[in-house]
Amino acid sequence: MAAIDEEYRIRNDIKNILYYDPEVKKNAELMNIFRIAYERRDAGNPMREVALALDKSLAAYITSHKEVPKSVIRLHKNMMELSEIGH
């Protein structure tokens, strides 16, 4: 899949998780992490930069919490794959 398609998919994943994932919606810390990422993207920051910042935040969250929503883990894996594209 082309890098642009991956970026589009991750952008949509962020939006879908932020607005529709019930596990994330009831978690104030995760909502803040995703809201910041979505606002950065809307502000025109390149998706690669947004993904890198979000990935760092999610990695910290994942390592410090025992239970993490599956959608968050899936997105984290997708962003790690995106960071490998073009390297």
PDB file of N, CA and C in Angstrom:
ATOM      1  N   MET A   1       0.848  -1.182   0.000  1.00  0.00           N
ATOM      2  CA  MET A   1       0.000   0.000   0.000  1.00  0.00           C
ATOM      3  C   MET A   1       0.891   1.242   0.000  1.00  0.00           C
ATOM      4  N   ALA A   2       0.536   2.241  -0.762  1.00  0.00           N
ATOM      5  CA  ALA A   2       1.322   3.454  -0.865  1.00  0.00           C
ATOM      6  C   ALA A   2       1.283   4.229   0.447  1.00  0.00           C
ATOM      7  N   ALA A   3       2.338   4.991   0.682  1.00  0.00           N
ATOM      8  CA  ALA A   3       2.432   5.756   1.923  1.00  0.00           C
ATOM      9  C   ALA A   3       1.255   6.704   2.089  1.00  0.00           C
ATOM     10  N   ILE A   4       0.811   7.312   1.002  1.00  0.00           N
ATOM     11  CA  ILE A   4      -0.312   8.247   1.083  1.00  0.00           C
ATOM     12  C   ILE A   4      -1.580   7.535   1.532  1.00  0.00           C
ATOM     13  N   ASP A   5      -1.777   6.304   1.051  1.00  0.00           N
ATOM     14  CA  ASP A   5      -2.933   5.511   1.475  1.00  0.00           C
ATOM     15  C   ASP A   5      -2.837   5.164   2.954  1.00  0.00           C
ATOM     16  N   GLU A   6      -1.649   4.839   3.414  1.00  0.00           N
ATOM     17  CA  GLU A   6      -1.448   4.530   4.830  1.00  0.00           C
ATOM     18  C   GLU A   6      -1.747   5.754   5.686  1.00  0.00           C
ATOM     19  N   GLU A   7      -1.272   6.915   5.247  1.00  0.00           N
ATOM     20  CA  GLU A   7      -1.523   8.140   5.999  1.00  0.00           C
ATOM     21  C   GLU A   7      -3.019   8.434   6.070  1.00  0.00           C
ATOM     22  N   TYR A   8      -3.707   8.243   4.971  1.00  0.00           N
ATOM     23  CA  TYR A   8      -5.155   8.456   4.933  1.00  0.00           C
ATOM     24  C   TYR A   8      -5.858   7.493   5.891  1.00  0.00           C
ATOM     25  N   ARG A   9      -5.434   6.251   5.873  1.00  0.00           N
ATOM     26  CA  ARG A   9      -6.040   5.251   6.754  1.00  0.00           C
ATOM     27  C   ARG A   9      -5.816   5.597   8.220  1.00  0.00           C
ATOM     28  N   ILE A  10      -4.615   6.017   8.559  1.00  0.00           N
ATOM     29  CA  ILE A  10      -4.325   6.366   9.947  1.00  0.00           C
ATOM     30  C   ILE A  10      -5.119   7.599  10.360  1.00  0.00           C
ATOM     31  N   ARG A  11      -5.223   8.576   9.460  1.00  0.00           N
ATOM     32  CA  ARG A  11      -6.019   9.762   9.769  1.00  0.00           C
ATOM     33  C   ARG A  11      -7.466   9.370  10.073  1.00  0.00           C
ATOM     34  N   ASN A  12      -8.026   8.487   9.261  1.00  0.00           N
ATOM     35  CA  ASN A  12      -9.396   8.029   9.494  1.00  0.00           C
ATOM     36  C   ASN A  12      -9.505   7.198  10.769  1.00  0.00           C
ATOM     37  N   ASP A  13      -8.483   6.381  11.042  1.00  0.00           N
ATOM     38  CA  ASP A  13      -8.486   5.595  12.281  1.00  0.00           C
ATOM     39  C   ASP A  13      -8.517   6.510  13.503  1.00  0.00           C
ATOM     40  N   ILE A  14      -7.718   7.571  13.459  1.00  0.00           N
ATOM     41  CA  ILE A  14      -7.693   8.527  14.574  1.00  0.00           C
ATOM     42  C   ILE A  14      -9.080   9.123  14.770  1.00  0.00           C
ATOM     43  N   LYS A  15      -9.694   9.567  13.680  1.00  0.00           N
ATOM     44  CA  LYS A  15     -11.027  10.170  13.757  1.00  0.00           C
ATOM     45  C   LYS A  15     -12.052   9.169  14.285  1.00  0.00           C
ATOM     46  N   ASN A  16     -12.020   7.954  13.758  1.00  0.00           N
ATOM     47  CA  ASN A  16     -12.992   6.945  14.187  1.00  0.00           C
ATOM     48  C   ASN A  16     -12.819   6.567  15.650  1.00  0.00           C
ATOM     49  N   ILE A  17     -11.594   6.425  16.086  1.00  0.00           N
ATOM     50  CA  ILE A  17     -11.346   6.099  17.489  1.00  0.00           C
ATOM     51  C   ILE A  17     -11.820   7.243  18.384  1.00  0.00           C
ATOM     52  N   LEU A  18     -11.478   8.457  18.000  1.00  0.00           N
ATOM     53  CA  LEU A  18     -11.838   9.623  18.805  1.00  0.00           C
ATOM     54  C   LEU A  18     -13.348   9.770  18.951  1.00  0.00           C
ATOM     55  N   TYR A  19     -14.079   9.559  17.871  1.00  0.00           N
ATOM     56  CA  TYR A  19     -15.513   9.814  17.901  1.00  0.00           C
ATOM     57  C   TYR A  19     -16.386   8.595  18.183  1.00  0.00           C
ATOM     58  N   TYR A  20     -15.885   7.398  17.913  1.00  0.00           N
ATOM     59  CA  TYR A  20     -16.785   6.248  17.957  1.00  0.00           C
ATOM     60  C   TYR A  20     -16.372   5.101  18.870  1.00  0.00           C
ATOM     61  N   ASP A  21     -15.136   5.077  19.369  1.00  0.00           N
ATOM     62  CA  ASP A  21     -14.709   3.949  20.198  1.00  0.00           C
ATOM     63  C   ASP A  21     -15.180   4.163  21.629  1.00  0.00           C
ATOM     64  N   PRO A  22     -16.103   3.315  22.114  1.00  0.00           N
ATOM     65  CA  PRO A  22     -16.651   3.523  23.461  1.00  0.00           C
ATOM     66  C   PRO A  22     -15.606   3.386  24.567  1.00  0.00           C
ATOM     67  N   GLU A  23     -14.625   2.521  24.373  1.00  0.00           N
ATOM     68  CA  GLU A  23     -13.593   2.359  25.412  1.00  0.00           C
ATOM     69  C   GLU A  23     -12.730   3.611  25.518  1.00  0.00           C
ATOM     70  N   VAL A  24     -12.446   4.222  24.393  1.00  0.00           N
ATOM     71  CA  VAL A  24     -11.637   5.442  24.396  1.00  0.00           C
ATOM     72  C   VAL A  24     -12.470   6.618  24.899  1.00  0.00           C
ATOM     73  N   LYS A  25     -13.716   6.672  24.474  1.00  0.00           N
ATOM     74  CA  LYS A  25     -14.579   7.798  24.861  1.00  0.00           C
ATOM     75  C   LYS A  25     -14.767   7.902  26.369  1.00  0.00           C
ATOM     76  N   LYS A  26     -14.700   6.789  27.082  1.00  0.00           N
ATOM     77  CA  LYS A  26     -14.874   6.846  28.541  1.00  0.00           C
ATOM     78  C   LYS A  26     -13.544   7.007  29.280  1.00  0.00           C
ATOM     79  N   ASN A  27     -12.451   7.168  28.534  1.00  0.00           N
ATOM     80  CA  ASN A  27     -11.120   7.314  29.125  1.00  0.00           C
ATOM     81  C   ASN A  27     -10.596   8.720  28.823  1.00  0.00           C
ATOM     82  N   ALA A  28     -10.610   9.581  29.825  1.00  0.00           N
ATOM     83  CA  ALA A  28     -10.236  10.987  29.628  1.00  0.00           C
ATOM     84  C   ALA A  28      -8.799  11.141  29.122  1.00  0.00           C
ATOM     85  N   GLU A  29      -7.898  10.308  29.609  1.00  0.00           N
ATOM     86  CA  GLU A  29      -6.499  10.413  29.185  1.00  0.00           C
ATOM     87  C   GLU A  29      -6.341  10.084  27.700  1.00  0.00           C
ATOM     88  N   LEU A  30      -6.961   9.004  27.262  1.00  0.00           N
ATOM     89  CA  LEU A  30      -6.894   8.643  25.846  1.00  0.00           C
ATOM     90  C   LEU A  30      -7.623   9.664  24.975  1.00  0.00           C
ATOM     91  N   MET A  31      -8.758  10.147  25.437  1.00  0.00           N
ATOM     92  CA  MET A  31      -9.481  11.165  24.665  1.00  0.00           C
ATOM     93  C   MET A  31      -8.601  12.384  24.440  1.00  0.00           C
ATOM     94  N   ASN A  32      -7.876  12.780  25.445  1.00  0.00           N
ATOM     95  CA  ASN A  32      -6.989  13.929  25.302  1.00  0.00           C
ATOM     96  C   ASN A  32      -5.873  13.648  24.299  1.00  0.00           C
ATOM     97  N   ILE A  33      -5.281  12.470  24.367  1.00  0.00           N
ATOM     98  CA  ILE A  33      -4.215  12.089  23.436  1.00  0.00           C
ATOM     99  C   ILE A  33      -4.735  12.140  21.993  1.00  0.00           C
ATOM    100  N   PHE A  34      -5.896  11.553  21.760  1.00  0.00           N
ATOM    101  CA  PHE A  34      -6.446  11.516  20.401  1.00  0.00           C
ATOM    102  C   PHE A  34      -6.946  12.875  19.944  1.00  0.00           C
ATOM    103  N   ARG A  35      -7.512  13.639  20.830  1.00  0.00           N
ATOM    104  CA  ARG A  35      -8.002  14.968  20.470  1.00  0.00           C
ATOM    105  C   ARG A  35      -6.840  15.855  20.024  1.00  0.00           C
ATOM    106  N   ILE A  36      -5.731  15.793  20.740  1.00  0.00           N
ATOM    107  CA  ILE A  36      -4.559  16.584  20.373  1.00  0.00           C
ATOM    108  C   ILE A  36      -4.054  16.173  18.989  1.00  0.00           C
ATOM    109  N   ALA A  37      -3.997  14.880  18.733  1.00  0.00           N
ATOM    110  CA  ALA A  37      -3.535  14.390  17.429  1.00  0.00           C
ATOM    111  C   ALA A  37      -4.454  14.879  16.311  1.00  0.00           C
ATOM    112  N   TYR A  38      -5.740  14.767  16.527  1.00  0.00           N
ATOM    113  CA  TYR A  38      -6.712  15.175  15.499  1.00  0.00           C
ATOM    114  C   TYR A  38      -6.630  16.680  15.264  1.00  0.00           C
ATOM    115  N   GLU A  39      -6.449  17.472  16.318  1.00  0.00           N
ATOM    116  CA  GLU A  39      -6.317  18.920  16.172  1.00  0.00           C
ATOM    117  C   GLU A  39      -5.041  19.285  15.429  1.00  0.00           C
ATOM    118  N   ARG A  40      -3.958  18.570  15.690  1.00  0.00           N
ATOM    119  CA  ARG A  40      -2.709  18.822  14.955  1.00  0.00           C
ATOM    120  C   ARG A  40      -2.906  18.574  13.470  1.00  0.00           C
ATOM    121  N   ARG A  41      -3.592  17.498  13.150  1.00  0.00           N
ATOM    122  CA  ARG A  41      -3.834  17.168  11.740  1.00  0.00           C
ATOM    123  C   ARG A  41      -4.715  18.222  11.090  1.00  0.00           C
ATOM    124  N   ASP A  42      -5.757  18.635  11.784  1.00  0.00           N
ATOM    125  CA  ASP A  42      -6.642  19.669  11.245  1.00  0.00           C
ATOM    126  C   ASP A  42      -5.922  21.004  11.073  1.00  0.00           C
ATOM    127  N   ALA A  43      -4.910  21.236  11.879  1.00  0.00           N
ATOM    128  CA  ALA A  43      -4.135  22.473  11.775  1.00  0.00           C
ATOM    129  C   ALA A  43      -3.176  22.455  10.584  1.00  0.00           C
ATOM    130  N   GLY A  44      -3.119  21.308   9.890  1.00  0.00           N
ATOM    131  CA  GLY A  44      -2.294  21.231   8.696  1.00  0.00           C
ATOM    132  C   GLY A  44      -0.930  20.601   8.890  1.00  0.00           C
ATOM    133  N   ASN A  45      -0.669  20.084  10.081  1.00  0.00           N
ATOM    134  CA  ASN A  45       0.608  19.399  10.282  1.00  0.00           C
ATOM    135  C   ASN A  45       0.646  18.138   9.424  1.00  0.00           C
ATOM    136  N   PRO A  46       1.817  17.811   8.870  1.00  0.00           N
ATOM    137  CA  PRO A  46       1.926  16.595   8.055  1.00  0.00           C
ATOM    138  C   PRO A  46       1.552  15.356   8.870  1.00  0.00           C
ATOM    139  N   MET A  47       0.866  14.432   8.217  1.00  0.00           N
ATOM    140  CA  MET A  47       0.399  13.230   8.906  1.00  0.00           C
ATOM    141  C   MET A  47       1.548  12.454   9.527  1.00  0.00           C
ATOM    142  N   ARG A  48       2.692  12.441   8.887  1.00  0.00           N
ATOM    143  CA  ARG A  48       3.843  11.724   9.430  1.00  0.00           C
ATOM    144  C   ARG A  48       4.247  12.309  10.787  1.00  0.00           C
ATOM    145  N   GLU A  49       4.229  13.641  10.920  1.00  0.00           N
ATOM    146  CA  GLU A  49       4.553  14.288  12.195  1.00  0.00           C
ATOM    147  C   GLU A  49       3.482  14.004  13.243  1.00  0.00           C
ATOM    148  N   VAL A  50       2.224  14.064  12.824  1.00  0.00           N
ATOM    149  CA  VAL A  50       1.123  13.767  13.734  1.00  0.00           C
ATOM    150  C   VAL A  50       1.238  12.335  14.245  1.00  0.00           C
ATOM    151  N   ALA A  51       1.502  11.410  13.327  1.00  0.00           N
ATOM    152  CA  ALA A  51       1.617   9.998  13.695  1.00  0.00           C
ATOM    153  C   ALA A  51       2.789   9.767  14.640  1.00  0.00           C
ATOM    154  N   LEU A  52       3.898  10.439  14.400  1.00  0.00           N
ATOM    155  CA  LEU A  52       5.063  10.266  15.269  1.00  0.00           C
ATOM    156  C   LEU A  52       4.760  10.743  16.689  1.00  0.00           C
ATOM    157  N   ALA A  53       4.151  11.919  16.808  1.00  0.00           N
ATOM    158  CA  ALA A  53       3.816  12.446  18.131  1.00  0.00           C
ATOM    159  C   ALA A  53       2.775  11.565  18.821  1.00  0.00           C
ATOM    160  N   LEU A  54       1.771  11.144  18.063  1.00  0.00           N
ATOM    161  CA  LEU A  54       0.740  10.278  18.627  1.00  0.00           C
ATOM    162  C   LEU A  54       1.323   8.936  19.032  1.00  0.00           C
ATOM    163  N   ASP A  55       2.195   8.397  18.203  1.00  0.00           N
ATOM    164  CA  ASP A  55       2.811   7.111  18.502  1.00  0.00           C
ATOM    165  C   ASP A  55       3.602   7.170  19.809  1.00  0.00           C
ATOM    166  N   LYS A  56       4.317   8.247  20.024  1.00  0.00           N
ATOM    167  CA  LYS A  56       5.070   8.409  21.276  1.00  0.00           C
ATOM    168  C   LYS A  56       4.123   8.462  22.473  1.00  0.00           C
ATOM    169  N   SER A  57       3.044   9.198  22.328  1.00  0.00           N
ATOM    170  CA  SER A  57       2.070   9.298  23.423  1.00  0.00           C
ATOM    171  C   SER A  57       1.410   7.953  23.699  1.00  0.00           C
ATOM    172  N   LEU A  58       1.048   7.252  22.615  1.00  0.00           N
ATOM    173  CA  LEU A  58       0.412   5.946  22.796  1.00  0.00           C
ATOM    174  C   LEU A  58       1.379   4.926  23.378  1.00  0.00           C
ATOM    175  N   ALA A  59       2.625   4.964  22.958  1.00  0.00           N
ATOM    176  CA  ALA A  59       3.617   4.032  23.505  1.00  0.00           C
ATOM    177  C   ALA A  59       3.750   4.238  25.012  1.00  0.00           C
ATOM    178  N   ALA A  60       3.798   5.485  25.437  1.00  0.00           N
ATOM    179  CA  ALA A  60       3.883   5.774  26.876  1.00  0.00           C
ATOM    180  C   ALA A  60       2.631   5.290  27.592  1.00  0.00           C
ATOM    181  N   TYR A  61       1.476   5.508  26.983  1.00  0.00           N
ATOM    182  CA  TYR A  61       0.222   5.059  27.593  1.00  0.00           C
ATOM    183  C   TYR A  61       0.180   3.535  27.694  1.00  0.00           C
ATOM    184  N   ILE A  62       0.544   2.866  26.610  1.00  0.00           N
ATOM    185  CA  ILE A  62       0.493   1.399  26.573  1.00  0.00           C
ATOM    186  C   ILE A  62       1.417   0.786  27.620  1.00  0.00           C
ATOM    187  N   THR A  63       2.602   1.350  27.773  1.00  0.00           N
ATOM    188  CA  THR A  63       3.548   0.778  28.729  1.00  0.00           C
ATOM    189  C   THR A  63       3.169   1.063  30.180  1.00  0.00           C
ATOM    190  N   SER A  64       2.345   2.072  30.403  1.00  0.00           N
ATOM    191  CA  SER A  64       2.009   2.418  31.781  1.00  0.00           C
ATOM    192  C   SER A  64       0.619   1.950  32.215  1.00  0.00           C
ATOM    193  N   HIS A  65      -0.097   1.252  31.332  1.00  0.00           N
ATOM    194  CA  HIS A  65      -1.439   0.770  31.675  1.00  0.00           C
ATOM    195  C   HIS A  65      -1.568  -0.728  31.376  1.00  0.00           C
ATOM    196  N   LYS A  66      -2.256  -1.414  32.244  1.00  0.00           N
ATOM    197  CA  LYS A  66      -2.438  -2.856  32.059  1.00  0.00           C
ATOM    198  C   LYS A  66      -3.465  -3.156  30.989  1.00  0.00           C
ATOM    199  N   GLU A  67      -4.533  -2.379  30.941  1.00  0.00           N
ATOM    200  CA  GLU A  67      -5.591  -2.612  29.962  1.00  0.00           C
ATOM    201  C   GLU A  67      -5.617  -1.473  28.957  1.00  0.00           C
ATOM    202  N   VAL A  68      -5.497  -1.840  27.686  1.00  0.00           N
ATOM    203  CA  VAL A  68      -5.481  -0.862  26.603  1.00  0.00           C
ATOM    204  C   VAL A  68      -6.491  -1.323  25.553  1.00  0.00           C
ATOM    205  N   PRO A  69      -7.356  -0.432  25.096  1.00  0.00           N
ATOM    206  CA  PRO A  69      -8.322  -0.827  24.067  1.00  0.00           C
ATOM    207  C   PRO A  69      -7.622  -1.384  22.822  1.00  0.00           C
ATOM    208  N   LYS A  70      -8.242  -2.405  22.224  1.00  0.00           N
ATOM    209  CA  LYS A  70      -7.668  -3.043  21.036  1.00  0.00           C
ATOM    210  C   LYS A  70      -7.467  -2.052  19.904  1.00  0.00           C
ATOM    211  N   SER A  71      -8.370  -1.091  19.761  1.00  0.00           N
ATOM    212  CA  SER A  71      -8.237  -0.109  18.686  1.00  0.00           C
ATOM    213  C   SER A  71      -6.969   0.722  18.851  1.00  0.00           C
ATOM    214  N   VAL A  72      -6.594   0.988  20.085  1.00  0.00           N
ATOM    215  CA  VAL A  72      -5.390   1.772  20.356  1.00  0.00           C
ATOM    216  C   VAL A  72      -4.148   0.958  20.003  1.00  0.00           C
ATOM    217  N   ILE A  73      -4.137  -0.300  20.372  1.00  0.00           N
ATOM    218  CA  ILE A  73      -3.005  -1.169  20.046  1.00  0.00           C
ATOM    219  C   ILE A  73      -2.878  -1.330  18.534  1.00  0.00           C
ATOM    220  N   ARG A  74      -3.996  -1.522  17.854  1.00  0.00           N
ATOM    221  CA  ARG A  74      -3.996  -1.674  16.392  1.00  0.00           C
ATOM    222  C   ARG A  74      -3.461  -0.409  15.711  1.00  0.00           C
ATOM    223  N   LEU A  75      -3.909   0.755  16.175  1.00  0.00           N
ATOM    224  CA  LEU A  75      -3.435   2.007  15.602  1.00  0.00           C
ATOM    225  C   LEU A  75      -1.943   2.182  15.847  1.00  0.00           C
ATOM    226  N   HIS A  76      -1.504   1.859  17.035  1.00  0.00           N
ATOM    227  CA  HIS A  76      -0.077   1.962  17.372  1.00  0.00           C
ATOM    228  C   HIS A  76       0.749   1.096  16.413  1.00  0.00           C
ATOM    229  N   LYS A  77       0.310  -0.115  16.152  1.00  0.00           N
ATOM    230  CA  LYS A  77       1.018  -1.003  15.219  1.00  0.00           C
ATOM    231  C   LYS A  77       1.014  -0.428  13.813  1.00  0.00           C
ATOM    232  N   ASN A  78      -0.125   0.111  13.382  1.00  0.00           N
ATOM    233  CA  ASN A  78      -0.203   0.713  12.043  1.00  0.00           C
ATOM    234  C   ASN A  78       0.743   1.898  11.906  1.00  0.00           C
ATOM    235  N   MET A  79       0.855   2.690  12.951  1.00  0.00           N
ATOM    236  CA  MET A  79       1.748   3.856  12.889  1.00  0.00           C
ATOM    237  C   MET A  79       3.205   3.433  12.889  1.00  0.00           C
ATOM    238  N   MET A  80       3.522   2.363  13.586  1.00  0.00           N
ATOM    239  CA  MET A  80       4.896   1.862  13.538  1.00  0.00           C
ATOM    240  C   MET A  80       5.236   1.398  12.131  1.00  0.00           C
ATOM    241  N   GLU A  81       4.265   0.755  11.452  1.00  0.00           N
ATOM    242  CA  GLU A  81       4.472   0.357  10.071  1.00  0.00           C
ATOM    243  C   GLU A  81       4.630   1.568   9.158  1.00  0.00           C
ATOM    244  N   LEU A  82       3.838   2.606   9.388  1.00  0.00           N
ATOM    245  CA  LEU A  82       3.934   3.826   8.584  1.00  0.00           C
ATOM    246  C   LEU A  82       5.317   4.455   8.729  1.00  0.00           C
ATOM    247  N   SER A  83       5.866   4.431   9.939  1.00  0.00           N
ATOM    248  CA  SER A  83       7.176   5.047  10.157  1.00  0.00           C
ATOM    249  C   SER A  83       8.269   4.293   9.405  1.00  0.00           C
ATOM    250  N   GLU A  84       8.025   3.032   9.076  1.00  0.00           N
ATOM    251  CA  GLU A  84       8.999   2.248   8.327  1.00  0.00           C
ATOM    252  C   GLU A  84       8.908   2.496   6.826  1.00  0.00           C
ATOM    253  N   ILE A  85       7.773   3.006   6.340  1.00  0.00           N
ATOM    254  CA  ILE A  85       7.614   3.299   4.915  1.00  0.00           C
ATOM    255  C   ILE A  85       8.490   4.487   4.561  1.00  0.00           C
ATOM    256  N   GLY A  86       9.243   4.350   3.519  1.00  0.00           N
ATOM    257  CA  GLY A  86      10.088   5.440   3.064  1.00  0.00           C
ATOM    258  C   GLY A  86      11.442   5.490   3.748  1.00  0.00           C
ATOM    259  N   HIS A  87      11.708   4.537   4.640  1.00  0.00           N
ATOM    260  CA  HIS A  87      13.036   4.511   5.290  1.00  0.00           C
ATOM    261  C   HIS A  87      13.953   3.617   4.530  1.00  0.00           C
TER     262      HIS A  87
END
